[in-house]
Amino acid sequence: MISFDFVCESGFKPSVSHKIWLQQVIRKEGKVPGDIAYIFCDDDYMLERNVAFLNHDTYTDIITFDECVGNIVAGSILISLDRVGENAEAFGKSFENEFLRVLVHGTLHLCGYKDKTEDEAKTMRQKEDESLALLAH
């Protein structure tokens, strides 16, 4: 089951259609959707978790905690809405577009995609674009 939880105020709320879309992305990757919690927060909340769990004293837009077992996609995905907003401005995108990209980015991490190397990042971006195209149809 996919859940959306907010620990901060937000003007943008994902809908049931977004849950269906994320399940579609997971199935397209040959995986089975399991329990995935998307937690939307502000920079302060994210920074506390980044320090506590990853020992990184930096701001980030997303942290993905992988709890997958076999082919079942499961985990927790923290998304800083402050970072999403700033990145949207920096990239000249709408908040919604950047939000959806980050949302599927975390999902793709749970499906096994990485983005540490240049080649991995290129593949991740391609998968994000393919996934966003699914939502447009």
Protein backbone atom coordinates (compact mmCIF):
# COMPACT_ATOMS: atom_id res chain seq x y z
CA MET A 1 0.00 0.00 0.00
CA ILE A 2 1.25 3.46 -0.86
CA SER A 3 0.71 6.20 1.72
CA PHE A 4 1.30 9.94 1.60
CA ASP A 5 2.06 11.59 4.94
CA PHE A 6 2.78 15.23 5.67
CA VAL A 7 4.84 16.53 8.58
CA CYS A 8 4.67 20.09 7.23
CA GLU A 9 2.17 22.31 5.45
CA SER A 10 1.89 21.99 1.70
CA GLY A 11 -0.17 23.62 -1.00
CA PHE A 12 0.23 20.60 -3.26
CA LYS A 13 -1.33 17.29 -2.31
CA PRO A 14 -0.77 14.16 -4.34
CA SER A 15 -3.93 12.27 -5.25
CA VAL A 16 -5.11 8.68 -5.64
CA SER A 17 -4.16 8.94 -9.33
CA HIS A 18 -0.56 9.56 -8.23
CA LYS A 19 -0.63 6.35 -6.17
CA ILE A 20 -1.95 4.43 -9.18
CA TRP A 21 0.77 5.97 -11.35
CA LEU A 22 3.53 4.98 -8.91
CA GLN A 23 2.18 1.43 -8.80
CA GLN A 24 2.20 1.40 -12.60
CA VAL A 25 5.86 2.53 -12.62
CA ILE A 26 6.79 -0.25 -10.21
CA ARG A 27 4.95 -2.89 -12.24
CA LYS A 28 6.57 -1.62 -15.45
CA GLU A 29 9.92 -2.40 -13.82
CA GLY A 30 8.77 -6.00 -13.27
CA LYS A 31 8.33 -5.49 -9.53
CA VAL A 32 5.41 -5.81 -7.10
CA PRO A 33 4.21 -2.75 -5.15
CA GLY A 34 4.44 -3.28 -1.39
CA ASP A 35 4.23 -0.89 1.55
CA ILE A 36 5.75 2.46 0.60
CA ALA A 37 5.44 5.55 2.80
CA TYR A 38 6.11 8.92 1.19
CA ILE A 39 6.75 11.46 3.93
CA PHE A 40 6.65 15.11 2.91
CA CYS A 41 8.54 17.48 5.17
CA ASP A 42 10.42 20.77 5.41
CA ASP A 43 14.18 21.35 5.32
CA ASP A 44 14.61 21.26 9.11
CA TYR A 45 12.92 17.85 9.44
CA MET A 46 14.93 16.49 6.50
CA LEU A 47 18.23 17.81 7.84
CA GLU A 48 17.61 16.15 11.21
CA ARG A 49 16.98 12.80 9.49
CA ASN A 50 19.93 13.24 7.14
CA VAL A 51 22.27 13.76 10.11
CA ALA A 52 20.69 11.05 12.28
CA PHE A 53 20.46 8.28 9.69
CA LEU A 54 23.15 9.07 7.11
CA ASN A 55 25.57 11.27 9.07
CA HIS A 56 25.25 13.94 6.33
CA ASP A 57 25.01 17.50 7.61
CA THR A 58 23.54 18.85 4.37
CA TYR A 59 20.17 19.69 2.90
CA THR A 60 18.74 17.30 0.35
CA ASP A 61 15.49 16.94 -1.53
CA ILE A 62 15.04 13.21 -0.95
CA ILE A 63 16.16 10.32 1.22
CA THR A 64 15.08 6.80 0.30
CA PHE A 65 15.06 3.99 2.86
CA ASP A 66 14.98 0.69 1.00
CA GLU A 67 13.01 -2.10 2.70
CA CYS A 68 12.52 -4.22 -0.43
CA VAL A 69 12.35 -7.98 -0.09
CA GLY A 70 12.86 -9.98 -3.25
CA ASN A 71 10.63 -8.53 -5.96
CA ILE A 72 8.43 -6.57 -3.54
CA VAL A 73 9.11 -2.84 -3.55
CA ALA A 74 8.85 -1.38 -0.05
CA GLY A 75 10.37 1.42 1.98
CA SER A 76 10.11 4.98 3.17
CA ILE A 77 10.80 8.03 1.06
CA LEU A 78 11.33 11.42 2.71
CA ILE A 79 10.89 14.46 0.46
CA SER A 80 11.70 18.02 1.47
CA LEU A 81 9.08 20.28 -0.07
CA ASP A 82 11.36 23.28 0.62
CA ARG A 83 14.08 21.72 -1.58
CA VAL A 84 11.55 20.76 -4.24
CA GLY A 85 10.40 24.39 -4.42
CA GLU A 86 13.92 25.78 -4.62
CA ASN A 87 14.96 23.21 -7.23
CA ALA A 88 11.88 23.98 -9.32
CA GLU A 89 12.88 27.65 -9.37
CA ALA A 90 16.52 26.84 -10.14
CA PHE A 91 15.58 24.52 -13.03
CA GLY A 92 12.80 26.78 -14.36
CA LYS A 93 10.14 24.13 -13.73
CA SER A 94 6.78 24.25 -12.01
CA PHE A 95 6.58 23.02 -8.42
CA GLU A 96 4.28 20.19 -9.53
CA ASN A 97 6.67 19.02 -12.25
CA GLU A 98 9.64 18.94 -9.88
CA PHE A 99 7.54 17.32 -7.16
CA LEU A 100 6.46 14.50 -9.48
CA ARG A 101 10.03 13.99 -10.70
CA VAL A 102 11.31 13.65 -7.12
CA LEU A 103 8.37 11.40 -6.21
CA VAL A 104 9.18 8.95 -9.01
CA HIS A 105 12.94 9.33 -8.41
CA GLY A 106 12.56 7.78 -4.96
CA THR A 107 10.33 5.06 -6.35
CA LEU A 108 12.93 4.21 -8.99
CA HIS A 109 15.59 3.98 -6.26
CA LEU A 110 13.42 1.34 -4.59
CA CYS A 111 13.21 -0.45 -7.95
CA GLY A 112 17.00 -0.73 -7.93
CA TYR A 113 18.18 2.29 -9.89
CA LYS A 114 21.15 4.28 -8.59
CA ASP A 115 22.43 7.72 -9.53
CA LYS A 116 25.95 7.98 -8.09
CA THR A 117 27.87 7.73 -11.38
CA GLU A 118 27.33 9.72 -14.55
CA ASP A 119 25.98 6.65 -16.37
CA GLU A 120 23.66 5.76 -13.48
CA ALA A 121 22.38 9.36 -13.32
CA LYS A 122 21.72 9.32 -17.08
CA THR A 123 19.73 6.08 -16.79
CA MET A 124 17.83 7.46 -13.78
CA ARG A 125 16.90 10.64 -15.69
CA GLN A 126 15.71 8.53 -18.64
CA LYS A 127 13.56 6.38 -16.33
CA GLU A 128 12.14 9.51 -14.68
CA ASP A 129 11.20 10.92 -18.10
CA GLU A 130 9.58 7.61 -19.15
CA SER A 131 7.65 7.51 -15.88
CA LEU A 132 6.46 11.11 -16.18
CA ALA A 133 5.28 10.33 -19.72
CA LEU A 134 3.08 7.54 -18.27
CA LEU A 135 1.39 10.08 -16.04
CA ALA A 136 0.69 12.38 -18.99
CA HIS A 137 -1.37 9.69 -20.76
